[in-house]
Amino acid sequence: NPIARDGASVMEVGARLQKAFLSLAELGYDDLRQAAIAHSHLAVCHAEQAMSLQQELEAIRSMADRVAQSGAKAVSSPPLQGRTAMDPD
């Protein structure tokens, strides 16, 4: 993810990404939750390499922990069946 990679040293970018990953993980679809967790972890790896303030890195890790523990009620993603992801339900 270029945003996670290029913005890894900026606390606000990392926090916003983790909030977005948490929102995606909590939608209730297992495939989406797994992808959000994977990208959340990758963003933390980038942050660990780029951030110099331990306090900011710990905040990002804490947010990523919430992503990793989200979505206990996840289900399989429904097929789109002739509609696009942009169509309203």
C-alpha atoms as a PDB file:
ATOM      1  CA  ASN A   1       0.000   0.000   0.000  1.00  0.00           C
ATOM      2  CA  PRO A   2       1.746   3.200  -1.152  1.00  0.00           C
ATOM      3  CA  ILE A   3      -0.004   5.384   1.425  1.00  0.00           C
ATOM      4  CA  ALA A   4       1.124   3.156   4.303  1.00  0.00           C
ATOM      5  CA  ARG A   5       4.640   2.991   2.886  1.00  0.00           C
ATOM      6  CA  ASP A   6       5.120   6.643   1.953  1.00  0.00           C
ATOM      7  CA  GLY A   7       3.259   8.045   4.957  1.00  0.00           C
ATOM      8  CA  ALA A   8       4.727   5.617   7.486  1.00  0.00           C
ATOM      9  CA  SER A   9       6.648   8.279   9.387  1.00  0.00           C
ATOM     10  CA  VAL A  10       3.583  10.512   9.871  1.00  0.00           C
ATOM     11  CA  MET A  11       1.476   9.672  12.928  1.00  0.00           C
ATOM     12  CA  GLU A  12      -1.700  11.162  11.466  1.00  0.00           C
ATOM     13  CA  VAL A  13      -1.431   9.038   8.314  1.00  0.00           C
ATOM     14  CA  GLY A  14      -0.875   5.873  10.326  1.00  0.00           C
ATOM     15  CA  ALA A  15      -3.769   6.629  12.660  1.00  0.00           C
ATOM     16  CA  ARG A  16      -6.137   7.385   9.791  1.00  0.00           C
ATOM     17  CA  LEU A  17      -5.187   4.172   8.018  1.00  0.00           C
ATOM     18  CA  GLN A  18      -5.771   2.106  11.157  1.00  0.00           C
ATOM     19  CA  LYS A  19      -9.190   3.738  11.653  1.00  0.00           C
ATOM     20  CA  ALA A  20     -10.074   2.912   8.044  1.00  0.00           C
ATOM     21  CA  PHE A  21      -8.881  -0.687   8.457  1.00  0.00           C
ATOM     22  CA  LEU A  22     -10.967  -1.012  11.625  1.00  0.00           C
ATOM     23  CA  SER A  23     -14.062   0.267   9.834  1.00  0.00           C
ATOM     24  CA  LEU A  24     -13.544  -2.238   7.037  1.00  0.00           C
ATOM     25  CA  ALA A  25     -12.882  -5.088   9.458  1.00  0.00           C
ATOM     26  CA  GLU A  26     -16.100  -4.378  11.358  1.00  0.00           C
ATOM     27  CA  LEU A  27     -18.388  -4.531   8.308  1.00  0.00           C
ATOM     28  CA  GLY A  28     -19.047  -8.187   9.026  1.00  0.00           C
ATOM     29  CA  TYR A  29     -17.470  -9.902   6.008  1.00  0.00           C
ATOM     30  CA  ASP A  30     -14.699 -12.384   6.737  1.00  0.00           C
ATOM     31  CA  ASP A  31     -12.773 -11.823   3.485  1.00  0.00           C
ATOM     32  CA  LEU A  32     -12.769  -8.070   4.019  1.00  0.00           C
ATOM     33  CA  ARG A  33     -11.824  -8.451   7.699  1.00  0.00           C
ATOM     34  CA  GLN A  34      -8.859 -10.658   6.805  1.00  0.00           C
ATOM     35  CA  ALA A  35      -7.659  -8.196   4.155  1.00  0.00           C
ATOM     36  CA  ALA A  36      -8.015  -5.262   6.585  1.00  0.00           C
ATOM     37  CA  ILE A  37      -6.033  -7.129   9.252  1.00  0.00           C
ATOM     38  CA  ALA A  38      -3.282  -8.001   6.763  1.00  0.00           C
ATOM     39  CA  HIS A  39      -2.974  -4.411   5.528  1.00  0.00           C
ATOM     40  CA  SER A  40      -3.110  -3.094   9.089  1.00  0.00           C
ATOM     41  CA  HIS A  41      -0.190  -5.335  10.008  1.00  0.00           C
ATOM     42  CA  LEU A  42       1.758  -4.248   6.922  1.00  0.00           C
ATOM     43  CA  ALA A  43       1.181  -0.582   7.808  1.00  0.00           C
ATOM     44  CA  VAL A  44       2.564  -1.249  11.303  1.00  0.00           C
ATOM     45  CA  CYS A  45       5.656  -2.873   9.768  1.00  0.00           C
ATOM     46  CA  HIS A  46       6.210   0.250   7.651  1.00  0.00           C
ATOM     47  CA  ALA A  47       5.682   2.480  10.695  1.00  0.00           C
ATOM     48  CA  GLU A  48       8.207   0.471  12.735  1.00  0.00           C
ATOM     49  CA  GLN A  49      10.835   1.180  10.090  1.00  0.00           C
ATOM     50  CA  ALA A  50       9.997   4.878   9.676  1.00  0.00           C
ATOM     51  CA  MET A  51       8.823   6.329  12.991  1.00  0.00           C
ATOM     52  CA  SER A  52      11.344   7.737  15.427  1.00  0.00           C
ATOM     53  CA  LEU A  53       9.032   8.452  18.391  1.00  0.00           C
ATOM     54  CA  GLN A  54       8.233   5.320  20.376  1.00  0.00           C
ATOM     55  CA  GLN A  55       5.074   6.888  21.844  1.00  0.00           C
ATOM     56  CA  GLU A  56       3.589   7.429  18.374  1.00  0.00           C
ATOM     57  CA  LEU A  57       4.562   3.919  17.283  1.00  0.00           C
ATOM     58  CA  GLU A  58       2.870   2.441  20.359  1.00  0.00           C
ATOM     59  CA  ALA A  59      -0.316   4.372  19.518  1.00  0.00           C
ATOM     60  CA  ILE A  60      -0.304   2.896  16.000  1.00  0.00           C
ATOM     61  CA  ARG A  61       0.317  -0.595  17.392  1.00  0.00           C
ATOM     62  CA  SER A  62      -2.573  -0.188  19.811  1.00  0.00           C
ATOM     63  CA  MET A  63      -4.915   0.810  17.001  1.00  0.00           C
ATOM     64  CA  ALA A  64      -3.697  -2.143  14.918  1.00  0.00           C
ATOM     65  CA  ASP A  65      -4.432  -4.474  17.851  1.00  0.00           C
ATOM     66  CA  ARG A  66      -8.055  -3.316  17.745  1.00  0.00           C
ATOM     67  CA  VAL A  67      -8.179  -4.130  14.034  1.00  0.00           C
ATOM     68  CA  ALA A  68      -6.723  -7.590  14.646  1.00  0.00           C
ATOM     69  CA  GLN A  69      -9.333  -8.343  17.313  1.00  0.00           C
ATOM     70  CA  SER A  70     -12.321  -7.046  15.364  1.00  0.00           C
ATOM     71  CA  GLY A  71     -15.042  -8.819  13.489  1.00  0.00           C
ATOM     72  CA  ALA A  72     -15.952 -11.752  15.696  1.00  0.00           C
ATOM     73  CA  LYS A  73     -19.303 -12.029  13.868  1.00  0.00           C
ATOM     74  CA  ALA A  74     -17.823 -12.042  10.362  1.00  0.00           C
ATOM     75  CA  VAL A  75     -19.527 -13.934   7.558  1.00  0.00           C
ATOM     76  CA  SER A  76     -18.497 -14.757   4.008  1.00  0.00           C
ATOM     77  CA  SER A  77     -18.803 -11.923   1.512  1.00  0.00           C
ATOM     78  CA  PRO A  78     -22.003 -12.119  -0.553  1.00  0.00           C
ATOM     79  CA  PRO A  79     -21.610 -12.417  -4.319  1.00  0.00           C
ATOM     80  CA  LEU A  80     -22.265  -9.244  -6.290  1.00  0.00           C
ATOM     81  CA  GLN A  81     -24.530 -11.052  -8.800  1.00  0.00           C
ATOM     82  CA  GLY A  82     -24.807  -8.482 -11.567  1.00  0.00           C
ATOM     83  CA  ARG A  83     -24.199  -5.407  -9.467  1.00  0.00           C
ATOM     84  CA  THR A  84     -21.089  -3.453  -8.690  1.00  0.00           C
ATOM     85  CA  ALA A  85     -19.543  -2.584  -5.362  1.00  0.00           C
ATOM     86  CA  MET A  86     -20.724   0.999  -5.874  1.00  0.00           C
ATOM     87  CA  ASP A  87     -24.418   0.082  -6.172  1.00  0.00           C
ATOM     88  CA  PRO A  88     -26.502   0.797  -3.064  1.00  0.00           C
ATOM     89  CA  ASP A  89     -28.004  -2.197  -1.281  1.00  0.00           C
END
